[in-house]
Amino acid sequence: MVVLPDHIHCIWTLPEGDSDFSTRWNILKGAFSKSLEKGERVSASRKSRRERGIWQRRFWEHGLRDQEDYSRHMDYIHWNPVKHQWANSVKDWPYSSFQNYVKQGIYPENWGSVMPLDIEGIE
């Protein structure tokens, strides 16, 4: 997972037979939003819907096909703060699961010093 100022990326495993992403996103966004002080810029359309200005309205889901697809998405998620210029390197972004994966030996600490070639065009 990685949390950025204007969006979030994560990989979930839903319970068998459950595909209700919308409700899960609403719960996650609502709980997170309530924990933050208000004060962000809010557009007129968001005000009229009583929405905060910290989340995109939409979400995209993607069913992971295999281990390679999973690995590419994990790399993409962890690279995202660098891609959007919120950090100079992956290890510098504190709102990410990257450090947990380093501790587990899945990623080396210096991973992502340059854009990984296998995530190019993943969007």
C-alpha atoms as a PDB file:
ATOM      1  CA  MET A   1       0.000   0.000   0.000  1.00  0.00           C
ATOM      2  CA  VAL A   2       1.016   3.603  -0.528  1.00  0.00           C
ATOM      3  CA  VAL A   3      -0.874   6.725   0.577  1.00  0.00           C
ATOM      4  CA  LEU A   4      -0.216   9.917  -1.380  1.00  0.00           C
ATOM      5  CA  PRO A   5      -1.674  13.391  -0.831  1.00  0.00           C
ATOM      6  CA  ASP A   6      -4.345  12.896  -3.496  1.00  0.00           C
ATOM      7  CA  HIS A   7      -4.721   9.134  -3.961  1.00  0.00           C
ATOM      8  CA  ILE A   8      -3.948   5.711  -2.577  1.00  0.00           C
ATOM      9  CA  HIS A   9      -2.845   2.416  -4.087  1.00  0.00           C
ATOM     10  CA  CYS A  10      -3.288  -0.936  -2.411  1.00  0.00           C
ATOM     11  CA  ILE A  11      -3.708  -4.628  -3.031  1.00  0.00           C
ATOM     12  CA  TRP A  12      -6.518  -6.386  -1.228  1.00  0.00           C
ATOM     13  CA  THR A  13      -7.596  -9.971  -0.825  1.00  0.00           C
ATOM     14  CA  LEU A  14     -11.361 -10.008  -0.488  1.00  0.00           C
ATOM     15  CA  PRO A  15     -13.254 -12.852   1.163  1.00  0.00           C
ATOM     16  CA  GLU A  16     -14.439 -15.645  -1.125  1.00  0.00           C
ATOM     17  CA  GLY A  17     -17.523 -14.568  -3.083  1.00  0.00           C
ATOM     18  CA  ASP A  18     -17.172 -10.889  -2.103  1.00  0.00           C
ATOM     19  CA  SER A  19     -16.516  -8.278  -4.786  1.00  0.00           C
ATOM     20  CA  ASP A  20     -18.045  -5.193  -3.156  1.00  0.00           C
ATOM     21  CA  PHE A  21     -15.153  -2.821  -3.742  1.00  0.00           C
ATOM     22  CA  SER A  22     -17.361   0.281  -3.540  1.00  0.00           C
ATOM     23  CA  THR A  23     -18.498  -0.281   0.034  1.00  0.00           C
ATOM     24  CA  ARG A  24     -14.991  -1.181   1.159  1.00  0.00           C
ATOM     25  CA  TRP A  25     -13.528   1.964  -0.443  1.00  0.00           C
ATOM     26  CA  ASN A  26     -16.261   4.124   1.119  1.00  0.00           C
ATOM     27  CA  ILE A  27     -15.513   2.720   4.569  1.00  0.00           C
ATOM     28  CA  LEU A  28     -11.748   3.108   4.157  1.00  0.00           C
ATOM     29  CA  LYS A  29     -11.955   6.652   2.773  1.00  0.00           C
ATOM     30  CA  GLY A  30     -14.500   7.711   5.385  1.00  0.00           C
ATOM     31  CA  ALA A  31     -12.485   6.427   8.339  1.00  0.00           C
ATOM     32  CA  PHE A  32      -9.280   7.958   7.018  1.00  0.00           C
ATOM     33  CA  SER A  33     -10.955  11.308   6.267  1.00  0.00           C
ATOM     34  CA  LYS A  34     -12.447  11.556   9.744  1.00  0.00           C
ATOM     35  CA  SER A  35      -8.981  11.196  11.235  1.00  0.00           C
ATOM     36  CA  LEU A  36      -7.647  14.246   9.356  1.00  0.00           C
ATOM     37  CA  GLU A  37      -8.220  17.882  10.187  1.00  0.00           C
ATOM     38  CA  LYS A  38     -10.349  19.731   7.663  1.00  0.00           C
ATOM     39  CA  GLY A  39      -8.818  22.550   5.688  1.00  0.00           C
ATOM     40  CA  GLU A  40      -8.043  21.176   2.268  1.00  0.00           C
ATOM     41  CA  ARG A  41      -9.284  22.988  -0.849  1.00  0.00           C
ATOM     42  CA  VAL A  42     -12.788  21.811  -1.732  1.00  0.00           C
ATOM     43  CA  SER A  43     -14.452  22.506  -5.079  1.00  0.00           C
ATOM     44  CA  ALA A  44     -18.047  23.746  -5.311  1.00  0.00           C
ATOM     45  CA  SER A  45     -19.259  20.394  -6.649  1.00  0.00           C
ATOM     46  CA  ARG A  46     -17.630  18.550  -3.744  1.00  0.00           C
ATOM     47  CA  LYS A  47     -19.138  21.029  -1.262  1.00  0.00           C
ATOM     48  CA  SER A  48     -22.598  20.424  -2.692  1.00  0.00           C
ATOM     49  CA  ARG A  49     -22.126  16.660  -2.163  1.00  0.00           C
ATOM     50  CA  ARG A  50     -20.586  17.165   1.298  1.00  0.00           C
ATOM     51  CA  GLU A  51     -17.332  15.579   0.132  1.00  0.00           C
ATOM     52  CA  ARG A  52     -13.831  16.249   1.350  1.00  0.00           C
ATOM     53  CA  GLY A  53     -11.147  17.326  -1.080  1.00  0.00           C
ATOM     54  CA  ILE A  54      -8.625  14.581  -0.351  1.00  0.00           C
ATOM     55  CA  TRP A  55      -9.774  11.643  -2.483  1.00  0.00           C
ATOM     56  CA  GLN A  56     -10.506  10.928  -6.090  1.00  0.00           C
ATOM     57  CA  ARG A  57     -14.167  10.065  -6.553  1.00  0.00           C
ATOM     58  CA  ARG A  58     -13.450   7.027  -8.646  1.00  0.00           C
ATOM     59  CA  PHE A  59     -11.490   3.878  -8.128  1.00  0.00           C
ATOM     60  CA  TRP A  60     -10.078   1.294 -10.451  1.00  0.00           C
ATOM     61  CA  GLU A  61      -9.929  -2.365  -9.668  1.00  0.00           C
ATOM     62  CA  HIS A  62      -7.796  -4.983 -11.306  1.00  0.00           C
ATOM     63  CA  GLY A  63      -7.927  -8.703 -10.622  1.00  0.00           C
ATOM     64  CA  LEU A  64      -4.367  -9.956 -10.338  1.00  0.00           C
ATOM     65  CA  ARG A  65      -3.775 -12.792 -12.797  1.00  0.00           C
ATOM     66  CA  ASP A  66      -0.612 -14.440 -11.522  1.00  0.00           C
ATOM     67  CA  GLN A  67       2.562 -13.925  -9.501  1.00  0.00           C
ATOM     68  CA  GLU A  68       4.180 -11.813 -12.231  1.00  0.00           C
ATOM     69  CA  ASP A  69       1.161  -9.497 -12.353  1.00  0.00           C
ATOM     70  CA  TYR A  70       1.178  -9.257  -8.545  1.00  0.00           C
ATOM     71  CA  SER A  71       4.899  -8.418  -8.486  1.00  0.00           C
ATOM     72  CA  ARG A  72       4.541  -5.749 -11.184  1.00  0.00           C
ATOM     73  CA  HIS A  73       1.714  -4.081  -9.271  1.00  0.00           C
ATOM     74  CA  MET A  74       3.645  -4.194  -5.996  1.00  0.00           C
ATOM     75  CA  ASP A  75       6.540  -2.473  -7.760  1.00  0.00           C
ATOM     76  CA  TYR A  76       4.202   0.093  -9.333  1.00  0.00           C
ATOM     77  CA  ILE A  77       2.598   0.892  -5.972  1.00  0.00           C
ATOM     78  CA  HIS A  78       5.921   1.361  -4.209  1.00  0.00           C
ATOM     79  CA  TRP A  79       7.372   3.425  -7.083  1.00  0.00           C
ATOM     80  CA  ASN A  80       4.351   5.798  -7.138  1.00  0.00           C
ATOM     81  CA  PRO A  81       5.675   8.453  -4.678  1.00  0.00           C
ATOM     82  CA  VAL A  82       8.776   8.860  -6.839  1.00  0.00           C
ATOM     83  CA  LYS A  83       6.732   8.886 -10.038  1.00  0.00           C
ATOM     84  CA  HIS A  84       4.612  11.760  -8.696  1.00  0.00           C
ATOM     85  CA  GLN A  85       7.689  13.546  -7.292  1.00  0.00           C
ATOM     86  CA  TRP A  86       6.660  13.304  -3.638  1.00  0.00           C
ATOM     87  CA  ALA A  87       9.955  11.552  -2.829  1.00  0.00           C
ATOM     88  CA  ASN A  88      13.390  11.251  -4.382  1.00  0.00           C
ATOM     89  CA  SER A  89      13.586   7.526  -3.712  1.00  0.00           C
ATOM     90  CA  VAL A  90      11.133   4.802  -2.736  1.00  0.00           C
ATOM     91  CA  LYS A  91      12.697   4.338   0.708  1.00  0.00           C
ATOM     92  CA  ASP A  92      12.118   8.034   1.545  1.00  0.00           C
ATOM     93  CA  TRP A  93       8.300   7.909   1.409  1.00  0.00           C
ATOM     94  CA  PRO A  94       7.002   7.106   4.926  1.00  0.00           C
ATOM     95  CA  TYR A  95       3.376   6.334   3.967  1.00  0.00           C
ATOM     96  CA  SER A  96       4.107   3.068   2.218  1.00  0.00           C
ATOM     97  CA  SER A  97       4.355  -0.614   2.950  1.00  0.00           C
ATOM     98  CA  PHE A  98       7.784  -0.599   1.294  1.00  0.00           C
ATOM     99  CA  GLN A  99       9.763  -0.511   4.565  1.00  0.00           C
ATOM    100  CA  ASN A 100       7.838  -3.545   5.853  1.00  0.00           C
ATOM    101  CA  TYR A 101       8.830  -5.465   2.733  1.00  0.00           C
ATOM    102  CA  VAL A 102      12.457  -4.389   3.204  1.00  0.00           C
ATOM    103  CA  LYS A 103      12.356  -5.758   6.780  1.00  0.00           C
ATOM    104  CA  GLN A 104      10.969  -9.041   5.434  1.00  0.00           C
ATOM    105  CA  GLY A 105      13.775  -9.264   2.879  1.00  0.00           C
ATOM    106  CA  ILE A 106      11.431  -8.985  -0.118  1.00  0.00           C
ATOM    107  CA  TYR A 107      12.920  -5.714  -1.379  1.00  0.00           C
ATOM    108  CA  PRO A 108      16.461  -4.429  -0.859  1.00  0.00           C
ATOM    109  CA  GLU A 109      16.486  -0.992   0.809  1.00  0.00           C
ATOM    110  CA  ASN A 110      17.945   0.662  -2.293  1.00  0.00           C
ATOM    111  CA  TRP A 111      15.289  -0.796  -4.618  1.00  0.00           C
ATOM    112  CA  GLY A 112      13.705   1.828  -6.840  1.00  0.00           C
ATOM    113  CA  SER A 113      16.700   4.102  -7.185  1.00  0.00           C
ATOM    114  CA  VAL A 114      15.693   4.145 -10.857  1.00  0.00           C
ATOM    115  CA  MET A 115      12.337   3.336 -12.420  1.00  0.00           C
ATOM    116  CA  PRO A 116      11.930  -0.434 -12.693  1.00  0.00           C
ATOM    117  CA  LEU A 117      11.548  -1.369 -16.373  1.00  0.00           C
ATOM    118  CA  ASP A 118       8.859  -3.964 -15.687  1.00  0.00           C
ATOM    119  CA  ILE A 119       6.305  -1.353 -14.553  1.00  0.00           C
ATOM    120  CA  GLU A 120       6.585   0.900 -17.573  1.00  0.00           C
ATOM    121  CA  GLY A 121       3.090   1.348 -19.075  1.00  0.00           C
ATOM    122  CA  ILE A 122       1.309  -0.485 -16.228  1.00  0.00           C
ATOM    123  CA  GLU A 123      -1.315   2.217 -15.864  1.00  0.00           C
END
